Amino acid sequence: MLCERCGKNPATTYYKEVVNGKTKEIHLCSECAEELGNGLFQGMNGFADFGLSSLLGSLFAQSMPVPATSVKRCSSCGTSFEELAQNAQAGCANCYKEFYTQLLPSIERIHGKTRHIGKVPASASKELRQHRELEELRQRLADAVNAQEYEKAAELRDKIRGLEGENGK
């Protein structure tokens, strides 16, 4: 689909508004969307101060704009955190390392956790499997102690000590 404003470039920005059952849609290329900025939604039911940065910025705990002279950029792809927040997309895998502290609150808010907890692949090493098992046992131990299930906690403690002994810890 082509940009509805210039008719030349492919549309990459899409806005849809449904008010009282009536739908309004806008498809723009990135250049036109950038040119229009906050004025993009003027005349659309009072959305004059509404823009992509305000829509997606709330997901990325963005406070005040950083002056251009002190903007930190990814060492691999050159993406700034502001660009990442506006696009809601990292430029490369290294962006997650570069902007870890800025992204952490948003990732926690969106996903609930900052670390993937899931199945261990069949090809995983024995050490990784034991590490995951120890983490799970420690969590279960903490839960048992909090629930005052001391017999269960003692069994879990012994299992943990056994696994740690196998690992040489």
Protein backbone atom coordinates (compact mmCIF):
# COMPACT_ATOMS: atom_id res chain seq x y z
CA MET A 1 0.00 0.00 0.00
CA LEU A 2 1.26 3.45 -0.88
CA CYS A 3 1.34 6.49 1.36
CA GLU A 4 -2.00 8.33 1.31
CA ARG A 5 -0.22 11.70 1.50
CA CYS A 6 2.55 11.54 -1.12
CA GLY A 7 1.41 8.48 -3.07
CA LYS A 8 5.03 7.55 -3.85
CA ASN A 9 6.49 5.53 -0.97
CA PRO A 10 5.20 2.39 0.71
CA ALA A 11 3.10 3.11 3.81
CA THR A 12 4.87 2.05 6.99
CA THR A 13 2.84 4.00 9.56
CA TYR A 14 -0.75 3.07 10.21
CA TYR A 15 -3.28 4.74 12.48
CA LYS A 16 -6.81 3.52 13.04
CA GLU A 17 -9.43 5.36 15.07
CA VAL A 18 -12.87 4.00 15.91
CA VAL A 19 -15.32 6.49 17.40
CA ASN A 20 -19.00 5.62 17.82
CA GLY A 21 -18.63 2.79 15.34
CA LYS A 22 -17.06 5.00 12.64
CA THR A 23 -13.56 4.00 11.54
CA LYS A 24 -10.91 6.39 10.21
CA GLU A 25 -7.61 5.05 8.91
CA ILE A 26 -4.40 6.77 7.82
CA HIS A 27 -1.54 5.04 5.99
CA LEU A 28 1.69 7.06 5.66
CA CYS A 29 5.28 6.48 4.63
CA SER A 30 7.93 7.11 7.27
CA GLU A 31 8.95 10.44 5.67
CA CYS A 32 5.41 11.87 5.67
CA ALA A 33 4.75 10.59 9.18
CA GLU A 34 7.94 12.30 10.38
CA GLU A 35 7.06 15.55 8.58
CA LEU A 36 3.57 15.62 10.07
CA GLY A 37 4.76 14.66 13.54
CA ASN A 38 2.31 15.69 16.25
CA GLY A 39 0.20 17.56 13.70
CA LEU A 40 -0.69 14.20 12.14
CA PHE A 41 -3.91 13.88 14.06
CA GLN A 42 -5.14 17.48 14.08
CA GLY A 43 -8.79 17.63 13.22
CA MET A 44 -9.40 14.06 14.29
CA ASN A 45 -11.59 14.44 17.36
CA GLY A 46 -9.12 16.50 19.37
CA PHE A 47 -6.03 14.34 18.94
CA ALA A 48 -3.84 17.36 18.17
CA ASP A 49 -1.25 16.43 20.79
CA PHE A 50 -1.21 12.76 19.85
CA GLY A 51 1.74 11.26 17.98
CA LEU A 52 3.56 7.99 17.59
CA SER A 53 6.14 8.92 20.18
CA SER A 54 3.45 9.55 22.78
CA LEU A 55 1.68 6.31 21.86
CA LEU A 56 4.73 4.05 22.05
CA GLY A 57 6.77 6.17 24.45
CA SER A 58 4.65 5.04 27.39
CA LEU A 59 5.84 1.49 26.78
CA PHE A 60 9.47 2.52 27.11
CA ALA A 61 9.49 4.58 30.32
CA GLN A 62 10.67 7.63 28.43
CA SER A 63 10.96 10.69 30.59
CA MET A 64 12.17 13.97 29.12
CA PRO A 65 13.76 14.23 25.68
CA VAL A 66 17.54 14.06 25.74
CA PRO A 67 19.45 16.86 24.00
CA ALA A 68 20.92 15.71 20.69
CA THR A 69 24.49 16.33 21.89
CA SER A 70 24.26 13.73 24.66
CA VAL A 71 22.27 11.02 22.84
CA LYS A 72 23.67 7.54 23.46
CA ARG A 73 23.70 5.34 20.37
CA CYS A 74 24.13 1.61 19.89
CA SER A 75 27.74 0.83 19.01
CA SER A 76 26.65 -1.75 16.42
CA CYS A 77 23.79 -0.17 14.48
CA GLY A 78 23.75 3.47 15.62
CA THR A 79 20.15 3.41 16.88
CA SER A 80 19.38 5.80 19.74
CA PHE A 81 17.05 4.92 22.60
CA GLU A 82 14.63 7.60 21.40
CA GLU A 83 14.45 5.93 17.98
CA LEU A 84 13.98 2.55 19.64
CA ALA A 85 11.11 3.93 21.74
CA GLN A 86 9.45 5.63 18.76
CA ASN A 87 9.62 2.54 16.56
CA ALA A 88 9.08 0.03 19.38
CA GLN A 89 11.77 -1.99 17.65
CA ALA A 90 15.45 -2.55 18.40
CA GLY A 91 17.90 -1.91 15.59
CA CYS A 92 19.94 -5.03 16.41
CA ALA A 93 20.52 -7.58 19.17
CA ASN A 94 23.22 -5.36 20.71
CA CYS A 95 20.61 -2.63 21.41
CA TYR A 96 19.30 -4.74 24.28
CA LYS A 97 22.77 -4.69 25.89
CA GLU A 98 23.40 -1.01 25.19
CA PHE A 99 20.02 0.19 26.52
CA TYR A 100 19.53 -2.48 29.20
CA THR A 101 18.86 -0.07 32.07
CA GLN A 102 16.35 2.00 30.06
CA LEU A 103 14.54 -1.08 28.69
CA LEU A 104 14.42 -3.09 31.93
CA PRO A 105 11.37 -1.36 33.51
CA SER A 106 9.41 -1.61 30.26
CA ILE A 107 10.25 -5.27 29.72
CA GLU A 108 9.19 -6.05 33.29
CA ARG A 109 5.94 -4.13 32.78
CA ILE A 110 5.15 -5.80 29.45
CA HIS A 111 6.29 -9.38 30.16
CA GLY A 112 6.20 -9.57 33.95
CA LYS A 113 9.77 -10.90 34.10
CA THR A 114 13.11 -9.97 32.59
CA ARG A 115 14.39 -13.48 32.21
CA HIS A 116 13.00 -16.23 30.03
CA ILE A 117 11.72 -19.14 32.06
CA GLY A 118 10.77 -22.04 29.86
CA LYS A 119 11.63 -25.49 28.72
CA VAL A 120 15.27 -26.49 28.46
CA PRO A 121 16.15 -27.64 24.93
CA ALA A 122 16.91 -31.33 24.45
CA SER A 123 20.38 -30.38 23.21
CA ALA A 124 21.19 -28.44 26.41
CA SER A 125 24.25 -29.40 28.39
CA LYS A 126 24.06 -31.32 31.67
CA GLU A 127 25.32 -28.23 33.52
CA LEU A 128 22.50 -26.07 32.15
CA ARG A 129 19.91 -28.67 33.08
CA GLN A 130 21.30 -28.93 36.63
CA HIS A 131 21.46 -25.14 36.93
CA ARG A 132 17.79 -24.85 35.94
CA GLU A 133 16.85 -27.65 38.33
CA LEU A 134 18.71 -25.91 41.18
CA GLU A 135 16.92 -22.63 40.46
CA GLU A 136 13.55 -24.38 40.50
CA LEU A 137 14.36 -26.22 43.75
CA ARG A 138 15.51 -22.99 45.42
CA GLN A 139 12.27 -21.28 44.44
CA ARG A 140 10.23 -24.21 45.74
CA LEU A 141 12.29 -24.13 48.98
CA ALA A 142 11.54 -20.43 49.46
CA ASP A 143 7.84 -21.08 48.83
CA ALA A 144 7.83 -23.97 51.33
CA VAL A 145 9.51 -21.85 54.02
CA ASN A 146 7.04 -19.00 53.42
CA ALA A 147 4.16 -21.49 53.72
CA GLN A 148 5.77 -22.91 56.91
CA GLU A 149 5.99 -26.40 55.38
CA TYR A 150 9.25 -27.26 57.11
CA GLU A 151 9.33 -31.00 56.32
CA LYS A 152 8.99 -30.26 52.63
CA ALA A 153 11.58 -27.48 52.97
CA ALA A 154 14.05 -29.90 54.59
CA GLU A 155 13.60 -32.39 51.73
CA LEU A 156 14.15 -29.65 49.15
CA ARG A 157 17.22 -28.39 51.05
CA ASP A 158 18.70 -31.91 50.96
CA LYS A 159 18.04 -32.22 47.21
CA ILE A 160 19.73 -28.86 46.64
CA ARG A 161 22.77 -29.88 48.67
CA GLY A 162 22.96 -33.15 46.72
CA LEU A 163 22.90 -31.36 43.37
CA GLU A 164 25.41 -28.77 44.54
CA GLY A 165 27.68 -31.60 45.69
CA GLU A 166 27.50 -33.17 42.21
CA ASN A 167 28.46 -29.85 40.65
CA GLY A 168 31.40 -29.39 43.01
CA LYS A 169 29.99 -26.22 44.57
